[in-house]
Amino acid sequence: MALIENAKDQKVVADIEKSLRYISGIIKQKGREILSNFTITTPQFLALQWLLEDGDMTIGELSNKMFLACSTTTDLVDRMERNQLVMRVKDPNDRRVVRIHLLEEGERIIEEVIKKRQDYLHQIMENFTHDEVVLLETNLKKLHQEMRVE
């Protein structure tokens, strides 16, 4: 296992952290710009994205994923349900449990927003070689995997 052995390595790590912070900020800002052309808010986008990726879940499960209070998530789901993006469904195994289910319109919006975000990133990376893109993706995946372990 490689260790950060000297001040030079620490400087590189500090530079990586700074770059990731700046990139994250730019992506968030661009994401907000893209969302401004849609009828959903940023929290709704995040909720829909979780539902698309992980499938039906309870209010409590969605609250935990979004780091929100259950009451806040309930209000969020109420608004999305009124806009026919999601619906509440009884769990077939336990009728006391209600799950949030992503509807076709919610899936369409989320896929369109994600496509626009990917188009933006593709545009930004036009001057990267294929090998640079593959290496970046490999290293970002590895970084993400290491972060998930902790």
Protein backbone atom coordinates (compact mmCIF):
# COMPACT_ATOMS: atom_id res chain seq x y z
CA MET A 1 0.00 0.00 0.00
CA ALA A 2 1.44 3.37 -1.01
CA LEU A 3 1.80 5.95 1.73
CA ILE A 4 2.19 9.70 1.57
CA GLU A 5 5.83 9.87 2.57
CA ASN A 6 6.88 13.49 2.34
CA ALA A 7 5.78 17.09 2.09
CA LYS A 8 5.87 16.90 -1.73
CA ASP A 9 3.31 14.06 -1.68
CA GLN A 10 1.19 16.00 0.81
CA LYS A 11 1.25 19.00 -1.56
CA VAL A 12 0.03 16.79 -4.42
CA VAL A 13 -2.82 15.46 -2.25
CA ALA A 14 -3.71 19.03 -1.25
CA ASP A 15 -3.77 20.02 -4.94
CA ILE A 16 -6.01 17.02 -5.78
CA GLU A 17 -8.43 17.96 -3.00
CA LYS A 18 -8.54 21.54 -4.24
CA SER A 19 -9.14 20.44 -7.85
CA LEU A 20 -11.92 18.06 -6.81
CA ARG A 21 -13.55 20.83 -4.76
CA TYR A 22 -13.44 23.24 -7.72
CA ILE A 23 -14.69 20.59 -10.15
CA SER A 24 -17.53 19.68 -7.79
CA GLY A 25 -18.57 23.33 -7.55
CA ILE A 26 -18.55 23.77 -11.32
CA ILE A 27 -20.55 20.58 -11.86
CA LYS A 28 -23.12 21.66 -9.25
CA GLN A 29 -23.47 25.08 -10.88
CA LYS A 30 -23.82 23.57 -14.37
CA GLY A 31 -26.33 21.09 -12.97
CA ARG A 32 -28.42 23.95 -11.56
CA GLU A 33 -28.32 25.70 -14.95
CA ILE A 34 -29.52 22.54 -16.69
CA LEU A 35 -32.26 22.01 -14.09
CA SER A 36 -33.52 25.57 -14.56
CA ASN A 37 -34.94 24.39 -17.90
CA PHE A 38 -36.98 21.68 -16.19
CA THR A 39 -39.93 21.67 -13.80
CA ILE A 40 -38.03 20.07 -10.90
CA THR A 41 -35.87 21.41 -8.10
CA THR A 42 -32.39 20.23 -7.16
CA PRO A 43 -33.66 18.15 -4.19
CA GLN A 44 -36.30 16.58 -6.46
CA PHE A 45 -33.58 15.75 -9.00
CA LEU A 46 -31.51 14.07 -6.29
CA ALA A 47 -34.51 12.07 -5.03
CA LEU A 48 -35.47 10.98 -8.55
CA GLN A 49 -31.87 10.01 -9.24
CA TRP A 50 -31.76 7.80 -6.12
CA LEU A 51 -35.04 6.14 -7.12
CA LEU A 52 -33.78 5.53 -10.65
CA GLU A 53 -30.51 4.02 -9.41
CA ASP A 54 -31.74 2.04 -6.38
CA GLY A 55 -35.41 1.38 -7.16
CA ASP A 56 -38.44 1.79 -4.92
CA MET A 57 -37.72 2.80 -1.33
CA THR A 58 -39.49 4.05 1.77
CA ILE A 59 -39.51 7.68 2.88
CA GLY A 60 -37.06 6.72 5.64
CA GLU A 61 -34.65 5.07 3.21
CA LEU A 62 -34.82 8.04 0.83
CA SER A 63 -34.35 10.45 3.75
CA ASN A 64 -31.19 8.63 4.81
CA LYS A 65 -29.76 8.69 1.27
CA MET A 66 -30.45 12.42 0.95
CA PHE A 67 -29.45 13.32 4.53
CA LEU A 68 -32.85 14.96 5.10
CA ALA A 69 -35.41 14.76 7.89
CA CYS A 70 -38.31 12.41 7.14
CA SER A 71 -40.76 15.33 7.31
CA THR A 72 -38.76 17.23 4.66
CA THR A 73 -38.62 14.15 2.44
CA THR A 74 -42.37 13.63 2.88
CA ASP A 75 -43.03 17.18 1.64
CA LEU A 76 -40.66 16.59 -1.27
CA VAL A 77 -42.43 13.35 -2.24
CA ASP A 78 -45.84 15.04 -1.90
CA ARG A 79 -44.81 17.67 -4.48
CA MET A 80 -43.32 15.06 -6.82
CA GLU A 81 -46.46 12.94 -6.50
CA ARG A 82 -48.65 15.95 -7.41
CA ASN A 83 -46.47 16.45 -10.50
CA GLN A 84 -46.86 12.75 -11.40
CA LEU A 85 -43.14 12.02 -11.10
CA VAL A 86 -43.54 9.37 -8.37
CA MET A 87 -46.31 7.46 -6.65
CA ARG A 88 -46.68 5.80 -3.27
CA VAL A 89 -47.28 2.05 -3.45
CA LYS A 90 -47.97 -0.51 -0.72
CA ASP A 91 -45.23 -3.10 -0.27
CA PRO A 92 -46.69 -6.44 -1.44
CA ASN A 93 -44.88 -8.27 1.39
CA ASP A 94 -45.97 -5.91 4.17
CA ARG A 95 -48.97 -3.68 3.51
CA ARG A 96 -47.96 -1.40 6.40
CA VAL A 97 -44.90 -0.34 4.38
CA VAL A 98 -45.30 2.30 1.70
CA ARG A 99 -42.64 2.65 -0.99
CA ILE A 100 -41.95 5.52 -3.35
CA HIS A 101 -42.08 4.38 -6.98
CA LEU A 102 -40.57 6.35 -9.87
CA LEU A 103 -43.09 7.00 -12.65
CA GLU A 104 -42.36 7.25 -16.37
CA GLU A 105 -42.36 11.07 -16.39
CA GLY A 106 -39.88 11.20 -13.50
CA GLU A 107 -37.63 8.71 -15.27
CA ARG A 108 -37.85 10.67 -18.53
CA ILE A 109 -36.87 13.94 -16.85
CA ILE A 110 -33.98 12.41 -14.92
CA GLU A 111 -32.59 10.67 -18.00
CA GLU A 112 -32.85 13.90 -20.03
CA VAL A 113 -31.08 15.93 -17.32
CA ILE A 114 -28.32 13.32 -16.97
CA LYS A 115 -27.88 13.23 -20.77
CA LYS A 116 -27.42 17.04 -20.81
CA ARG A 117 -24.88 16.79 -17.98
CA GLN A 118 -22.99 14.10 -19.88
CA ASP A 119 -23.08 16.22 -23.06
CA TYR A 120 -21.56 19.10 -21.08
CA LEU A 121 -18.77 16.89 -19.74
CA HIS A 122 -18.14 15.46 -23.21
CA GLN A 123 -17.77 19.01 -24.54
CA ILE A 124 -15.30 19.90 -21.76
CA MET A 125 -13.19 16.83 -22.49
CA GLU A 126 -12.97 17.28 -26.28
CA ASN A 127 -9.22 17.96 -26.08
CA PHE A 128 -8.50 14.83 -24.02
CA THR A 129 -7.09 11.80 -25.79
CA HIS A 130 -8.94 8.50 -25.52
CA ASP A 131 -6.21 7.20 -23.19
CA GLU A 132 -6.51 10.28 -20.94
CA VAL A 133 -10.27 9.79 -20.67
CA VAL A 134 -9.88 6.09 -19.83
CA LEU A 135 -7.15 6.81 -17.25
CA LEU A 136 -9.25 9.55 -15.63
CA GLU A 137 -12.27 7.26 -15.43
CA THR A 138 -10.18 4.42 -13.98
CA ASN A 139 -8.62 6.64 -11.32
CA LEU A 140 -11.90 8.32 -10.37
CA LYS A 141 -13.54 4.90 -10.02
CA LYS A 142 -10.66 3.73 -7.82
CA LEU A 143 -10.86 6.89 -5.67
CA HIS A 144 -14.62 6.45 -5.30
CA GLN A 145 -14.21 2.78 -4.35
CA GLU A 146 -11.63 3.65 -1.69
CA MET A 147 -13.93 6.33 -0.28
CA ARG A 148 -16.87 3.92 -0.09
CA VAL A 149 -14.83 1.47 2.00
CA GLU A 150 -14.43 4.00 4.83
